[in-house]
Protein backbone atom coordinates (compact mmCIF):
# COMPACT_ATOMS: atom_id res chain seq x y z
CA MET A 1 144.65 74.37 138.95
CA SER A 2 146.40 70.99 139.01
CA PHE A 3 149.97 70.54 137.83
CA PHE A 4 151.35 67.13 136.93
CA GLY A 5 154.83 65.78 136.47
CA ALA A 6 153.86 63.42 133.66
CA ILE A 7 156.59 63.54 131.03
CA ALA A 8 156.96 61.61 127.77
CA ALA A 9 160.00 61.00 125.59
CA ALA A 10 161.15 63.80 123.28
CA GLY A 11 159.82 63.96 119.74
CA PRO A 12 157.13 65.75 117.73
CA PHE A 13 154.43 65.09 120.34
CA ALA A 14 153.50 66.81 123.58
CA THR A 15 155.87 65.75 126.34
CA VAL A 16 154.52 67.26 129.55
CA VAL A 17 151.16 67.93 131.21
CA LEU A 18 151.24 71.34 132.88
CA ASP A 19 147.63 71.52 133.97
CA TYR A 20 144.55 69.30 133.93
CA THR A 21 141.35 70.79 135.29
CA PRO A 22 138.33 68.86 134.04
CA ALA A 23 134.76 70.03 134.34
CA PRO A 24 132.20 67.55 135.70
CA GLY A 25 131.35 64.71 133.38
CA GLN A 26 130.30 61.09 133.23
CA PHE A 27 133.86 59.80 132.67
CA VAL A 28 135.80 62.29 134.80
CA ASN A 29 136.10 59.85 137.72
CA ASN A 30 136.87 56.86 135.52
CA PRO A 31 140.63 56.06 135.69
CA ALA A 32 140.49 54.86 132.08
CA PHE A 33 139.58 58.39 130.95
CA ASN A 34 141.01 60.80 133.55
CA ASP A 35 144.74 60.13 133.18
CA PRO A 36 146.18 63.33 131.64
CA SER A 37 149.34 61.50 130.54
CA ASN A 38 147.16 59.85 127.88
CA ALA A 39 147.53 63.13 125.97
CA LEU A 40 151.31 62.73 125.77
CA GLY A 41 153.22 60.97 123.03
CA ALA A 42 151.71 59.62 119.84
CA PRO A 43 147.99 59.03 119.33
CA SER A 44 146.47 55.55 119.06
CA GLY A 45 144.28 55.62 116.00
CA GLY A 46 141.16 53.52 115.74
CA GLY A 47 139.87 54.64 112.37
CA THR A 48 137.02 56.67 110.96
CA GLY A 49 134.21 54.74 112.63
CA SER A 50 135.65 53.20 115.78
CA PRO A 51 138.09 55.39 117.75
CA ASN A 52 140.64 53.89 120.10
CA ASN A 53 139.48 55.24 123.45
CA ALA A 54 142.25 53.50 125.35
CA SER A 55 144.59 56.46 125.05
CA VAL A 56 142.35 59.53 125.46
CA VAL A 57 141.77 61.84 128.39
CA THR A 58 138.38 63.45 128.89
CA LEU A 59 138.04 67.14 129.67
CA GLY A 60 134.51 66.85 131.00
CA ALA A 61 131.85 69.44 130.21
CA PHE A 62 132.23 73.06 129.13
CA GLY A 63 135.51 74.70 130.03
CA GLY A 64 137.26 71.57 131.28
CA SER A 65 140.84 71.88 130.07
CA ILE A 66 144.30 70.44 129.67
CA THR A 67 147.54 72.36 129.08
CA LEU A 68 150.45 70.66 127.36
CA GLY A 69 154.10 71.48 126.74
CA PHE A 70 156.66 70.24 124.24
CA ASP A 71 160.30 69.26 124.07
CA GLU A 72 160.97 72.28 121.87
CA PRO A 73 158.89 75.18 120.53
CA ILE A 74 156.50 74.57 117.64
CA ALA A 75 157.38 77.04 114.90
CA ASP A 76 155.08 78.80 112.50
CA ASP A 77 157.05 77.15 109.72
CA PRO A 78 156.58 78.27 106.08
CA LEU A 79 157.79 74.85 104.93
CA ASN A 80 154.88 72.98 106.52
CA PRO A 81 152.19 71.70 104.12
CA TYR A 82 149.40 74.27 103.73
CA GLY A 83 151.22 76.34 106.37
CA LEU A 84 149.74 74.17 109.14
CA ASP A 85 151.83 73.81 112.29
CA LEU A 86 150.21 71.50 114.85
CA ILE A 87 147.71 68.66 114.91
CA VAL A 88 145.34 67.82 117.77
CA PHE A 89 144.07 64.24 117.94
CA GLY A 90 140.89 63.13 119.69
CA ASN A 91 138.27 60.39 119.33
CA ALA A 92 135.86 61.86 116.81
CA LEU A 93 134.32 59.57 114.21
CA TRP A 94 132.27 59.66 111.04
CA THR A 95 128.62 58.82 111.63
CA GLY A 96 127.56 55.98 109.34
CA GLY A 97 130.82 56.33 107.45
CA ASP A 98 129.77 59.77 106.16
CA PRO A 99 132.53 62.38 106.66
CA SER A 100 129.95 65.16 106.39
CA ARG A 101 128.33 63.88 109.61
CA ARG A 102 130.75 63.66 112.52
CA PHE A 103 130.36 62.52 116.10
CA ALA A 104 132.49 65.38 117.36
CA GLU A 105 132.81 67.14 120.71
CA ALA A 106 134.77 70.18 119.71
CA GLY A 107 137.54 71.64 121.81
CA ILE A 108 138.78 75.23 121.77
CA VAL A 109 142.51 75.48 121.11
CA GLU A 110 144.63 78.23 122.63
CA VAL A 111 148.36 78.78 122.27
CA SER A 112 151.04 80.61 124.21
CA CYS A 113 154.72 81.44 123.91
CA ASP A 114 157.03 81.16 126.91
CA THR A 115 158.02 84.81 126.65
CA ASN A 116 159.38 85.05 130.19
CA GLY A 117 161.36 81.83 129.79
CA ASN A 118 160.29 80.22 133.07
CA GLY A 119 158.88 77.06 131.51
CA LEU A 120 155.38 77.72 132.89
CA PRO A 121 152.21 78.59 130.96
CA ASP A 122 151.83 81.97 132.63
CA ASP A 123 152.32 84.23 129.62
CA GLU A 124 149.55 85.66 127.45
CA TRP A 125 147.21 83.20 125.75
CA TYR A 126 145.82 83.56 122.26
CA VAL A 127 142.81 81.73 120.84
CA ILE A 128 142.58 79.85 117.56
CA ARG A 129 139.41 81.34 116.09
CA GLY A 130 138.71 78.51 113.68
CA SER A 131 135.55 78.61 111.62
CA SER A 132 133.00 79.65 114.20
CA ILE A 133 134.27 81.97 116.95
CA PRO A 134 133.46 85.71 116.57
CA ALA A 135 136.10 87.98 115.10
CA THR A 136 136.46 89.36 118.61
CA PRO A 137 136.56 86.09 120.58
CA VAL A 138 135.67 87.71 123.91
CA GLU A 139 132.12 88.00 122.56
CA ALA A 140 131.89 84.21 122.97
CA ALA A 141 133.43 84.16 126.46
CA PHE A 142 131.36 82.21 128.97
CA THR A 143 131.68 80.98 132.56
CA GLN A 144 129.90 77.94 133.98
CA ASP A 145 129.47 77.36 137.72
CA TRP A 146 129.57 73.85 139.21
CA ASP A 147 128.99 72.36 142.66
CA ASP A 148 128.84 68.90 144.19
CA ASP A 149 125.34 69.26 145.68
CA PRO A 150 122.67 67.67 143.46
CA ASN A 151 119.96 69.55 145.41
CA THR A 152 120.97 72.98 144.07
CA ASP A 153 120.21 74.48 140.68
CA THR A 154 123.92 74.50 139.89
CA PRO A 155 124.98 71.56 137.72
CA PRO A 156 125.75 68.74 137.59
CA SER A 157 122.50 67.16 138.72
CA ASN A 158 124.29 63.81 138.89
CA ALA A 159 126.71 64.00 141.83
CA SER A 160 128.80 61.13 140.46
CA TRP A 161 129.90 63.39 137.62
CA TYR A 162 131.56 65.85 139.99
CA PRO A 163 135.36 65.42 140.21
CA ASP A 164 136.06 63.08 143.12
CA SER A 165 138.09 64.80 145.86
CA ALA A 166 140.29 61.70 146.20
CA MET A 167 141.34 62.01 142.56
CA PHE A 168 141.19 65.80 142.29
CA PRO A 169 142.06 67.16 145.75
CA GLU A 170 142.64 70.67 144.42
CA ILE A 171 139.10 70.99 143.05
CA PRO A 172 136.84 72.41 145.81
CA SER A 173 133.17 71.63 146.42
CA SER A 174 132.23 74.41 144.01
CA TYR A 175 134.18 76.03 141.20
CA ALA A 176 133.76 77.55 137.76
CA THR A 177 135.20 76.88 134.34
CA SER A 178 135.58 79.55 131.68
CA GLY A 179 136.18 79.48 127.98
CA PHE A 180 134.77 80.34 124.58
CA LEU A 181 131.32 78.94 123.90
CA LEU A 182 130.85 77.44 120.46
CA PRO A 183 127.63 78.19 118.55
CA ALA A 184 124.55 76.02 118.07
CA PRO A 185 125.82 73.52 115.46
CA PHE A 186 128.44 72.32 117.95
CA GLN A 187 125.94 71.83 120.78
CA SER A 188 124.58 68.52 119.48
CA VAL A 189 125.72 65.40 117.69
CA PRO A 190 126.31 64.65 114.96
CA LEU A 191 128.03 67.79 113.69
CA VAL A 192 126.49 68.07 110.23
CA ASN A 193 128.13 69.83 107.31
CA PRO A 194 125.46 72.22 105.96
CA GLY A 195 126.47 71.26 102.43
CA GLY A 196 125.08 67.78 103.04
CA PRO A 197 126.35 64.38 101.81
CA GLY A 198 128.91 64.67 99.05
CA SER A 199 130.10 68.07 100.24
CA VAL A 200 133.65 68.94 99.28
CA ALA A 201 134.17 72.10 101.31
CA GLU A 202 134.43 71.65 105.09
CA ALA A 203 132.33 74.08 107.11
CA TYR A 204 133.85 73.48 110.55
CA PHE A 205 137.57 73.51 111.34
CA GLY A 206 140.16 74.94 113.70
CA TYR A 207 139.08 73.01 116.82
CA ALA A 208 140.10 69.81 118.59
CA ASP A 209 138.22 66.51 118.42
CA LEU A 210 136.45 67.15 115.11
CA SER A 211 138.23 64.62 112.91
CA PRO A 212 139.03 60.92 113.36
CA THR A 213 142.49 59.57 114.10
CA LEU A 214 143.35 57.00 111.45
CA LEU A 215 144.88 53.59 112.00
CA LEU A 216 148.66 53.85 111.84
CA GLY A 217 149.57 53.37 108.18
CA ASP A 218 146.08 53.86 106.69
CA LEU A 219 146.93 56.20 103.84
CA ASN A 220 143.45 56.83 102.44
CA ALA A 221 141.01 56.65 105.38
CA ASP A 222 139.49 53.33 104.35
CA ASN A 223 140.41 51.67 107.69
CA ILE A 224 142.90 49.36 105.96
CA ILE A 225 146.60 49.62 106.77
CA ASP A 226 148.49 50.40 103.57
CA GLU A 227 151.89 51.12 105.09
CA PRO A 228 152.57 48.53 107.81
CA ASP A 229 156.03 49.96 108.51
CA ALA A 230 154.74 53.49 109.12
CA THR A 231 156.04 55.15 112.27
CA PRO A 232 153.90 57.46 114.43
CA GLU A 233 156.56 60.18 114.15
CA ALA A 234 156.17 60.27 110.36
CA PHE A 235 152.53 59.32 109.91
CA TYR A 236 150.89 61.48 112.58
CA THR A 237 152.84 64.61 111.63
CA ARG A 238 151.29 64.86 108.14
CA PRO A 239 148.42 67.35 108.32
CA ASP A 240 144.99 66.85 106.86
CA ASN A 241 143.69 69.74 104.75
CA PRO A 242 141.11 71.16 107.20
CA PHE A 243 139.19 72.98 104.47
CA LEU A 244 138.11 69.82 102.67
CA VAL A 245 135.69 67.13 103.85
CA GLY A 246 137.37 63.84 104.74
CA VAL A 247 141.02 63.12 105.44
CA SER A 248 143.75 64.01 102.94
CA VAL A 249 145.61 61.11 101.37
CA GLY A 250 148.70 60.31 103.42
CA SER A 251 147.55 62.13 106.55
CA GLY A 252 146.94 60.36 109.86
CA GLY A 253 143.87 62.50 110.54
CA GLY A 254 143.32 64.73 113.53
CA ASP A 255 142.70 68.46 113.37
CA ALA A 256 145.48 70.55 111.87
CA ILE A 257 145.93 74.18 112.92
CA ASP A 258 147.98 77.12 111.68
CA ILE A 259 149.63 79.16 114.42
CA ALA A 260 148.86 82.20 112.27
CA TRP A 261 145.15 81.67 113.10
CA ALA A 262 145.82 82.71 116.69
CA VAL A 263 144.29 86.05 117.71
CA HIS A 264 144.16 88.18 120.82
CA PRO A 265 140.91 87.21 122.61
CA THR A 266 139.93 90.79 123.42
CA THR A 267 140.95 92.71 120.31
CA GLY A 268 140.77 89.95 117.71
CA LEU A 269 144.08 91.15 116.28
CA PRO A 270 146.49 88.51 114.92
CA ALA A 271 148.96 87.29 117.53
CA ARG A 272 151.76 86.93 114.93
CA LEU A 273 153.60 84.36 117.01
CA PRO A 274 156.78 82.98 115.41
CA SER A 275 156.45 79.89 117.61
CA ILE A 276 154.55 78.51 120.59
CA ASP A 277 155.53 76.54 123.68
CA PHE A 278 152.15 75.61 125.16
CA VAL A 279 148.78 74.41 123.91
CA ARG A 280 145.59 74.56 125.98
CA ILE A 281 142.50 72.64 124.91
CA SER A 282 139.10 73.12 126.52
CA THR A 283 135.62 71.78 125.87
CA GLY A 284 133.70 74.24 123.67
CA PRO A 285 130.06 73.04 123.81
CA ASN A 286 127.92 73.41 126.94
CA SER A 287 125.33 70.76 126.30
CA LEU A 288 123.73 67.53 127.47
CA VAL A 289 122.76 65.13 124.70
CA GLY A 290 120.31 62.68 126.24
CA ILE A 291 121.64 59.25 127.15
CA LEU A 292 125.03 60.24 125.72
CA GLY A 293 125.57 62.58 128.65
CA GLU A 294 127.52 65.81 128.51
CA MET A 295 129.45 66.86 125.44
CA SER A 296 133.09 66.59 126.44
CA THR A 297 136.22 66.99 124.38
CA GLU A 298 138.65 64.08 124.50
CA VAL A 299 142.35 64.50 123.73
CA ASP A 300 144.67 61.76 122.52
CA ALA A 301 147.77 63.70 121.44
CA VAL A 302 149.14 66.94 120.05
CA ALA A 303 151.85 66.86 117.39
CA SER A 304 153.98 69.39 115.57
CA VAL A 305 153.72 69.16 111.79
CA ALA A 306 156.80 67.87 109.96
CA PRO A 307 158.13 70.35 107.36
CA ARG A 308 157.96 69.14 103.75
CA PRO A 309 159.74 71.58 101.44
CA LEU A 310 158.86 69.53 98.37
CA PHE A 311 155.18 70.17 99.03
CA TYR A 312 156.00 73.49 97.36
CA ASP A 313 157.94 71.98 94.44
CA LEU A 314 155.68 73.32 91.70
CA ASP A 315 157.94 72.73 88.71
CA GLY A 316 158.57 69.06 89.47
CA ASP A 317 162.36 69.17 89.65
CA ASP A 318 162.55 67.72 93.19
CA ALA A 319 163.85 71.00 94.57
CA LEU A 320 162.42 74.12 96.18
CA ASP A 321 163.85 77.27 94.66
CA LEU A 322 163.05 80.50 92.88
CA GLU A 323 161.87 78.55 89.84
CA ASP A 324 158.89 77.36 91.89
CA LEU A 325 157.87 80.94 92.53
CA TYR A 326 158.02 81.59 88.79
CA ALA A 327 155.98 78.43 88.22
CA TRP A 328 153.30 79.71 90.59
CA HIS A 329 153.04 82.98 88.70
CA ASP A 330 152.72 81.06 85.42
CA THR A 331 150.04 78.75 86.86
CA PRO A 332 148.60 79.99 90.17
CA THR A 333 148.05 77.05 92.52
CA ASP A 334 146.14 76.64 95.77
CA LEU A 335 148.78 76.15 98.48
CA THR A 336 146.71 77.03 101.54
CA GLY A 337 144.11 74.32 100.97
CA GLU A 338 141.11 76.63 100.71
CA GLY A 339 140.26 75.65 97.15
CA MET A 340 141.31 78.81 95.33
CA ALA A 341 144.54 80.43 94.19
CA ASN A 342 144.99 84.00 95.35
CA ASP A 343 147.43 86.38 97.00
CA LEU A 344 147.56 84.18 100.12
CA ASP A 345 149.02 81.39 98.00
CA ARG A 346 151.49 83.74 96.34
CA GLU A 347 152.62 84.82 99.80
CA ARG A 348 152.82 81.15 100.85
CA ILE A 349 155.20 80.16 98.03
CA GLN A 350 157.28 83.30 98.58
CA ARG A 351 157.70 82.50 102.27
CA ALA A 352 158.50 78.87 101.57
CA VAL A 353 161.17 79.67 98.98
CA ARG A 354 162.68 82.37 101.17
CA ALA A 355 162.73 80.10 104.23
CA PHE A 356 164.32 77.22 102.36
CA GLU A 357 166.98 79.38 100.72
CA THR A 358 167.81 80.99 104.07
CA GLN A 359 168.07 77.59 105.73
CA ASP A 360 170.13 76.20 102.86
CA SER A 361 172.56 79.10 103.03
CA MET A 362 173.03 78.37 106.75
CA GLY A 363 173.77 74.72 106.09
CA GLY A 364 170.49 73.44 107.49
CA THR A 365 168.66 70.38 106.21
CA ARG A 366 165.06 69.30 106.14
């Protein structure tokens, strides 16, 4: 376990690296890709077909991980669009410009709350199940052994992929990484939506490094900057709807996650965390893909979502109040992004109205 003192300025993005333990990989010993501070601060978007690799850190093969902290807790905030709370940015891209075919090296996301208040990620961890981990995540638990001897059966076969002792003095000549192994569709590239070209519903979500990071100010994912004055703090805190193919208009891309998706890894029961202090990302596939080398998650940034109360303004009066709840009952609307209006959406508008009225009564502003 390697702890770093890298700290970034306060804001909506991760501010401190608490651990970086990569698995072996072709870029692990490359200084351009093994600086964990690259995961701090805002992402550097390259667009849907050409990611900006200048600001990513590689996690190496299966189980390689990075743990990040924030200036303040990330809340499970009812006023966030779609109820999404954090966004993980990587260097995924659309293959041939087709958002249903993604060059993606998915990362498992885990979250933790600093329950003991010591500022260290030593409390219980919960896993974001996403679309493809079993209901009881421990069923997908896996451990991979590594050593630095290319003459053994233990990978990697290429000794240059093993973390260099000069760069990673705390990694011994053999070690193991553990995590949750993603199923077959994630073990190769591209990651293909089973619905095929023209699909509307997204099949795979809830993991890191699945979706591209857009150019700053590109409002519609066409790789043209529409808002030249956009700031990273505003642009990269607008979540994409993870249930739909492509990137939502106005979003900066990345992979948005709801804290409410977190479950206990052994029981599968909801964690019900009101907020989190730490995020851990680890490579989910355990695969070699020919000349492309190992599948390895890359991380550019992690951001908290900016609340937008007017996302829930259903009656169009530029306010969020009880009238919006009545409006939902008159015309049920999809507010969770899953493409249907049901009791989850009714609960969503109830929570949003209640949260805003409580905050307003306390003199808060959003």
